[in-house]
Amino acid sequence: MSFPFAKEQDIFISAPCGQLQAVIHQGDDTGHFAAQNLLVIICHPHPVHGGTMDNKVVTTLMRTYRD
């Protein structure tokens, strides 16, 4: 997933079960939360139950906090 106006970085975190993929999105300096030191962690539904990072709820929450 890519948003041309956001700074985005894919990372992988080592875990006992293997590699966990994460995406860091950094909004621009003009967004609602730009003046705050805000960190939000959004987890998607479990993959065994069909969850992905592209889940509609996950992406909507990400855009809400990023913008």
PDB file of N, CA and C in Angstrom:
ATOM      1  N   MET A   1       0.853  -1.161   0.000  1.00  0.00           N
ATOM      2  CA  MET A   1       0.000   0.000   0.000  1.00  0.00           C
ATOM      3  C   MET A   1       0.897   1.221   0.000  1.00  0.00           C
ATOM      4  N   SER A   2       0.608   2.191  -0.827  1.00  0.00           N
ATOM      5  CA  SER A   2       1.479   3.349  -0.925  1.00  0.00           C
ATOM      6  C   SER A   2       0.656   4.617  -1.064  1.00  0.00           C
ATOM      7  N   PHE A   3       1.044   5.628  -0.326  1.00  0.00           N
ATOM      8  CA  PHE A   3       0.399   6.925  -0.397  1.00  0.00           C
ATOM      9  C   PHE A   3       1.468   7.926  -0.797  1.00  0.00           C
ATOM     10  N   PRO A   4       1.350   8.554  -1.962  1.00  0.00           N
ATOM     11  CA  PRO A   4       2.429   9.388  -2.491  1.00  0.00           C
ATOM     12  C   PRO A   4       2.773  10.593  -1.630  1.00  0.00           C
ATOM     13  N   PHE A   5       1.862  11.049  -0.782  1.00  0.00           N
ATOM     14  CA  PHE A   5       2.110  12.244   0.011  1.00  0.00           C
ATOM     15  C   PHE A   5       2.585  11.918   1.418  1.00  0.00           C
ATOM     16  N   ALA A   6       2.774  10.658   1.723  1.00  0.00           N
ATOM     17  CA  ALA A   6       3.219  10.261   3.061  1.00  0.00           C
ATOM     18  C   ALA A   6       4.597   9.626   2.978  1.00  0.00           C
ATOM     19  N   LYS A   7       5.363   9.803   4.035  1.00  0.00           N
ATOM     20  CA  LYS A   7       6.633   9.100   4.131  1.00  0.00           C
ATOM     21  C   LYS A   7       6.307   7.688   4.612  1.00  0.00           C
ATOM     22  N   GLU A   8       6.797   6.703   3.895  1.00  0.00           N
ATOM     23  CA  GLU A   8       6.443   5.322   4.181  1.00  0.00           C
ATOM     24  C   GLU A   8       7.696   4.464   4.195  1.00  0.00           C
ATOM     25  N   GLN A   9       7.770   3.561   5.163  1.00  0.00           N
ATOM     26  CA  GLN A   9       8.926   2.678   5.256  1.00  0.00           C
ATOM     27  C   GLN A   9       8.453   1.287   5.665  1.00  0.00           C
ATOM     28  N   ASP A  10       8.830   0.280   4.889  1.00  0.00           N
ATOM     29  CA  ASP A  10       8.549  -1.108   5.247  1.00  0.00           C
ATOM     30  C   ASP A  10       9.656  -1.606   6.165  1.00  0.00           C
ATOM     31  N   ILE A  11       9.264  -2.284   7.229  1.00  0.00           N
ATOM     32  CA  ILE A  11      10.256  -2.871   8.126  1.00  0.00           C
ATOM     33  C   ILE A  11       9.855  -4.305   8.445  1.00  0.00           C
ATOM     34  N   PHE A  12      10.821  -5.091   8.886  1.00  0.00           N
ATOM     35  CA  PHE A  12      10.570  -6.459   9.319  1.00  0.00           C
ATOM     36  C   PHE A  12      11.139  -6.625  10.721  1.00  0.00           C
ATOM     37  N   ILE A  13      10.348  -7.221  11.586  1.00  0.00           N
ATOM     38  CA  ILE A  13      10.727  -7.415  12.977  1.00  0.00           C
ATOM     39  C   ILE A  13      10.906  -8.912  13.208  1.00  0.00           C
ATOM     40  N   SER A  14      12.063  -9.299  13.733  1.00  0.00           N
ATOM     41  CA  SER A  14      12.307 -10.716  14.026  1.00  0.00           C
ATOM     42  C   SER A  14      11.481 -11.135  15.232  1.00  0.00           C
ATOM     43  N   ALA A  15      10.826 -12.272  15.103  1.00  0.00           N
ATOM     44  CA  ALA A  15       9.997 -12.808  16.181  1.00  0.00           C
ATOM     45  C   ALA A  15      10.169 -14.324  16.221  1.00  0.00           C
ATOM     46  N   PRO A  16       9.802 -14.959  17.320  1.00  0.00           N
ATOM     47  CA  PRO A  16       9.940 -16.421  17.407  1.00  0.00           C
ATOM     48  C   PRO A  16       9.203 -17.164  16.290  1.00  0.00           C
ATOM     49  N   CYS A  17       8.121 -16.584  15.798  1.00  0.00           N
ATOM     50  CA  CYS A  17       7.336 -17.242  14.746  1.00  0.00           C
ATOM     51  C   CYS A  17       7.860 -16.926  13.352  1.00  0.00           C
ATOM     52  N   GLY A  18       8.869 -16.070  13.244  1.00  0.00           N
ATOM     53  CA  GLY A  18       9.410 -15.670  11.947  1.00  0.00           C
ATOM     54  C   GLY A  18       9.460 -14.157  11.841  1.00  0.00           C
ATOM     55  N   GLN A  19       9.438 -13.657  10.630  1.00  0.00           N
ATOM     56  CA  GLN A  19       9.498 -12.219  10.391  1.00  0.00           C
ATOM     57  C   GLN A  19       8.095 -11.611  10.436  1.00  0.00           C
ATOM     58  N   LEU A  20       7.950 -10.528  11.183  1.00  0.00           N
ATOM     59  CA  LEU A  20       6.701  -9.774  11.197  1.00  0.00           C
ATOM     60  C   LEU A  20       6.899  -8.536  10.337  1.00  0.00           C
ATOM     61  N   GLN A  21       5.991  -8.318   9.413  1.00  0.00           N
ATOM     62  CA  GLN A  21       6.088  -7.156   8.536  1.00  0.00           C
ATOM     63  C   GLN A  21       5.327  -5.993   9.152  1.00  0.00           C
ATOM     64  N   ALA A  22       5.898  -4.818   9.064  1.00  0.00           N
ATOM     65  CA  ALA A  22       5.248  -3.603   9.553  1.00  0.00           C
ATOM     66  C   ALA A  22       5.507  -2.485   8.552  1.00  0.00           C
ATOM     67  N   VAL A  23       4.641  -1.513   8.551  1.00  0.00           N
ATOM     68  CA  VAL A  23       4.800  -0.343   7.696  1.00  0.00           C
ATOM     69  C   VAL A  23       4.712   0.884   8.586  1.00  0.00           C
ATOM     70  N   ILE A  24       5.691   1.753   8.454  1.00  0.00           N
ATOM     71  CA  ILE A  24       5.683   3.008   9.197  1.00  0.00           C
ATOM     72  C   ILE A  24       5.238   4.102   8.238  1.00  0.00           C
ATOM     73  N   HIS A  25       4.181   4.804   8.608  1.00  0.00           N
ATOM     74  CA  HIS A  25       3.696   5.938   7.822  1.00  0.00           C
ATOM     75  C   HIS A  25       3.932   7.195   8.638  1.00  0.00           C
ATOM     76  N   GLN A  26       4.530   8.178   8.027  1.00  0.00           N
ATOM     77  CA  GLN A  26       4.731   9.456   8.698  1.00  0.00           C
ATOM     78  C   GLN A  26       3.996  10.511   7.896  1.00  0.00           C
ATOM     79  N   GLY A  27       3.027  11.153   8.536  1.00  0.00           N
ATOM     80  CA  GLY A  27       2.254  12.186   7.855  1.00  0.00           C
ATOM     81  C   GLY A  27       3.082  13.433   7.613  1.00  0.00           C
ATOM     82  N   ASP A  28       2.520  14.346   6.851  1.00  0.00           N
ATOM     83  CA  ASP A  28       3.234  15.595   6.594  1.00  0.00           C
ATOM     84  C   ASP A  28       3.140  16.510   7.817  1.00  0.00           C
ATOM     85  N   ASP A  29       3.751  17.672   7.734  1.00  0.00           N
ATOM     86  CA  ASP A  29       3.814  18.583   8.875  1.00  0.00           C
ATOM     87  C   ASP A  29       2.571  19.449   9.029  1.00  0.00           C
ATOM     88  N   THR A  30       1.562  19.244   8.193  1.00  0.00           N
ATOM     89  CA  THR A  30       0.376  20.095   8.251  1.00  0.00           C
ATOM     90  C   THR A  30      -0.861  19.364   8.750  1.00  0.00           C
ATOM     91  N   GLY A  31      -0.762  18.069   9.013  1.00  0.00           N
ATOM     92  CA  GLY A  31      -1.916  17.292   9.458  1.00  0.00           C
ATOM     93  C   GLY A  31      -2.370  17.681  10.856  1.00  0.00           C
ATOM     94  N   HIS A  32      -3.544  17.221  11.220  1.00  0.00           N
ATOM     95  CA  HIS A  32      -4.157  17.547  12.505  1.00  0.00           C
ATOM     96  C   HIS A  32      -3.263  17.166  13.688  1.00  0.00           C
ATOM     97  N   PHE A  33      -2.581  16.034  13.600  1.00  0.00           N
ATOM     98  CA  PHE A  33      -1.763  15.551  14.701  1.00  0.00           C
ATOM     99  C   PHE A  33      -0.287  15.924  14.550  1.00  0.00           C
ATOM    100  N   ALA A  34       0.048  16.766  13.576  1.00  0.00           N
ATOM    101  CA  ALA A  34       1.448  17.067  13.270  1.00  0.00           C
ATOM    102  C   ALA A  34       2.186  17.706  14.441  1.00  0.00           C
ATOM    103  N   ALA A  35       1.516  18.539  15.208  1.00  0.00           N
ATOM    104  CA  ALA A  35       2.182  19.249  16.303  1.00  0.00           C
ATOM    105  C   ALA A  35       2.368  18.369  17.533  1.00  0.00           C
ATOM    106  N   GLN A  36       1.770  17.199  17.532  1.00  0.00           N
ATOM    107  CA  GLN A  36       1.845  16.317  18.691  1.00  0.00           C
ATOM    108  C   GLN A  36       2.861  15.208  18.439  1.00  0.00           C
ATOM    109  N   ASN A  37       3.505  14.782  19.484  1.00  0.00           N
ATOM    110  CA  ASN A  37       4.372  13.607  19.391  1.00  0.00           C
ATOM    111  C   ASN A  37       3.473  12.394  19.568  1.00  0.00           C
ATOM    112  N   LEU A  38       2.968  11.878  18.478  1.00  0.00           N
ATOM    113  CA  LEU A  38       1.957  10.834  18.520  1.00  0.00           C
ATOM    114  C   LEU A  38       2.480   9.574  17.850  1.00  0.00           C
ATOM    115  N   LEU A  39       2.318   8.468  18.520  1.00  0.00           N
ATOM    116  CA  LEU A  39       2.655   7.167  17.956  1.00  0.00           C
ATOM    117  C   LEU A  39       1.414   6.302  18.071  1.00  0.00           C
ATOM    118  N   VAL A  40       1.006   5.734  16.968  1.00  0.00           N
ATOM    119  CA  VAL A  40      -0.168   4.871  16.949  1.00  0.00           C
ATOM    120  C   VAL A  40       0.245   3.533  16.359  1.00  0.00           C
ATOM    121  N   ILE A  41      -0.113   2.466  17.037  1.00  0.00           N
ATOM    122  CA  ILE A  41       0.138   1.123  16.521  1.00  0.00           C
ATOM    123  C   ILE A  41      -1.213   0.506  16.203  1.00  0.00           C
ATOM    124  N   ILE A  42      -1.391   0.133  14.949  1.00  0.00           N
ATOM    125  CA  ILE A  42      -2.644  -0.462  14.496  1.00  0.00           C
ATOM    126  C   ILE A  42      -2.336  -1.882  14.035  1.00  0.00           C
ATOM    127  N   CYS A  43      -2.998  -2.838  14.631  1.00  0.00           N
ATOM    128  CA  CYS A  43      -2.780  -4.244  14.272  1.00  0.00           C
ATOM    129  C   CYS A  43      -3.960  -4.743  13.447  1.00  0.00           C
ATOM    130  N   HIS A  44      -3.650  -5.512  12.423  1.00  0.00           N
ATOM    131  CA  HIS A  44      -4.716  -6.047  11.581  1.00  0.00           C
ATOM    132  C   HIS A  44      -5.271  -7.335  12.179  1.00  0.00           C
ATOM    133  N   PRO A  45      -6.455  -7.756  11.715  1.00  0.00           N
ATOM    134  CA  PRO A  45      -7.027  -9.020  12.182  1.00  0.00           C
ATOM    135  C   PRO A  45      -6.087 -10.191  11.882  1.00  0.00           C
ATOM    136  N   HIS A  46      -6.220 -11.243  12.629  1.00  0.00           N
ATOM    137  CA  HIS A  46      -5.346 -12.408  12.517  1.00  0.00           C
ATOM    138  C   HIS A  46      -5.381 -12.988  11.096  1.00  0.00           C
ATOM    139  N   PRO A  47      -4.208 -13.260  10.511  1.00  0.00           N
ATOM    140  CA  PRO A  47      -4.147 -13.800   9.148  1.00  0.00           C
ATOM    141  C   PRO A  47      -4.883 -15.128   8.973  1.00  0.00           C
ATOM    142  N   VAL A  48      -4.931 -15.939  10.009  1.00  0.00           N
ATOM    143  CA  VAL A  48      -5.638 -17.223   9.915  1.00  0.00           C
ATOM    144  C   VAL A  48      -7.124 -16.996   9.626  1.00  0.00           C
ATOM    145  N   HIS A  49      -7.621 -15.853  10.043  1.00  0.00           N
ATOM    146  CA  HIS A  49      -9.028 -15.521   9.842  1.00  0.00           C
ATOM    147  C   HIS A  49      -9.216 -14.540   8.680  1.00  0.00           C
ATOM    148  N   GLY A  50      -8.220 -14.449   7.808  1.00  0.00           N
ATOM    149  CA  GLY A  50      -8.326 -13.615   6.616  1.00  0.00           C
ATOM    150  C   GLY A  50      -7.840 -12.187   6.784  1.00  0.00           C
ATOM    151  N   GLY A  51      -7.210 -11.868   7.902  1.00  0.00           N
ATOM    152  CA  GLY A  51      -6.736 -10.507   8.135  1.00  0.00           C
ATOM    153  C   GLY A  51      -5.481 -10.181   7.342  1.00  0.00           C
ATOM    154  N   THR A  52      -5.403  -8.953   6.851  1.00  0.00           N
ATOM    155  CA  THR A  52      -4.214  -8.471   6.147  1.00  0.00           C
ATOM    156  C   THR A  52      -3.956  -7.019   6.534  1.00  0.00           C
ATOM    157  N   MET A  53      -2.767  -6.519   6.182  1.00  0.00           N
ATOM    158  CA  MET A  53      -2.453  -5.112   6.443  1.00  0.00           C
ATOM    159  C   MET A  53      -3.280  -4.186   5.560  1.00  0.00           C
ATOM    160  N   ASP A  54      -3.888  -4.719   4.513  1.00  0.00           N
ATOM    161  CA  ASP A  54      -4.707  -3.915   3.609  1.00  0.00           C
ATOM    162  C   ASP A  54      -6.178  -3.911   4.011  1.00  0.00           C
ATOM    163  N   ASN A  55      -6.486  -4.404   5.209  1.00  0.00           N
ATOM    164  CA  ASN A  55      -7.845  -4.425   5.733  1.00  0.00           C
ATOM    165  C   ASN A  55      -8.417  -3.004   5.720  1.00  0.00           C
ATOM    166  N   LYS A  56      -9.681  -2.867   5.337  1.00  0.00           N
ATOM    167  CA  LYS A  56     -10.309  -1.545   5.204  1.00  0.00           C
ATOM    168  C   LYS A  56     -10.293  -0.755   6.518  1.00  0.00           C
ATOM    169  N   VAL A  57     -10.547  -1.417   7.623  1.00  0.00           N
ATOM    170  CA  VAL A  57     -10.543  -0.733   8.921  1.00  0.00           C
ATOM    171  C   VAL A  57      -9.132  -0.255   9.263  1.00  0.00           C
ATOM    172  N   VAL A  58      -8.140  -1.094   9.016  1.00  0.00           N
ATOM    173  CA  VAL A  58      -6.746  -0.741   9.299  1.00  0.00           C
ATOM    174  C   VAL A  58      -6.318   0.470   8.473  1.00  0.00           C
ATOM    175  N   THR A  59      -6.599   0.452   7.184  1.00  0.00           N
ATOM    176  CA  THR A  59      -6.169   1.563   6.329  1.00  0.00           C
ATOM    177  C   THR A  59      -6.927   2.853   6.652  1.00  0.00           C
ATOM    178  N   THR A  60      -8.195   2.739   7.029  1.00  0.00           N
ATOM    179  CA  THR A  60      -8.964   3.933   7.409  1.00  0.00           C
ATOM    180  C   THR A  60      -8.406   4.544   8.690  1.00  0.00           C
ATOM    181  N   LEU A  61      -8.105   3.710   9.678  1.00  0.00           N
ATOM    182  CA  LEU A  61      -7.503   4.215  10.917  1.00  0.00           C
ATOM    183  C   LEU A  61      -6.150   4.863  10.640  1.00  0.00           C
ATOM    184  N   MET A  62      -5.346   4.228   9.791  1.00  0.00           N
ATOM    185  CA  MET A  62      -4.028   4.772   9.466  1.00  0.00           C
ATOM    186  C   MET A  62      -4.159   6.157   8.831  1.00  0.00           C
ATOM    187  N   ARG A  63      -5.065   6.292   7.874  1.00  0.00           N
ATOM    188  CA  ARG A  63      -5.251   7.593   7.218  1.00  0.00           C
ATOM    189  C   ARG A  63      -5.769   8.641   8.201  1.00  0.00           C
ATOM    190  N   THR A  64      -6.636   8.231   9.118  1.00  0.00           N
ATOM    191  CA  THR A  64      -7.181   9.162  10.110  1.00  0.00           C
ATOM    192  C   THR A  64      -6.074   9.759  10.965  1.00  0.00           C
ATOM    193  N   TYR A  65      -5.177   8.928  11.446  1.00  0.00           N
ATOM    194  CA  TYR A  65      -4.091   9.426  12.291  1.00  0.00           C
ATOM    195  C   TYR A  65      -2.999  10.110  11.489  1.00  0.00           C
ATOM    196  N   ARG A  66      -2.740   9.628  10.284  1.00  0.00           N
ATOM    197  CA  ARG A  66      -1.686  10.214   9.461  1.00  0.00           C
ATOM    198  C   ARG A  66      -2.063  11.608   8.975  1.00  0.00           C
ATOM    199  N   ASP A  67      -3.312  11.769   8.556  1.00  0.00           N
ATOM    200  CA  ASP A  67      -3.749  13.039   7.977  1.00  0.00           C
ATOM    201  C   ASP A  67      -4.249  13.964   9.064  1.00  0.00           C
TER     202      ASP A  67
END
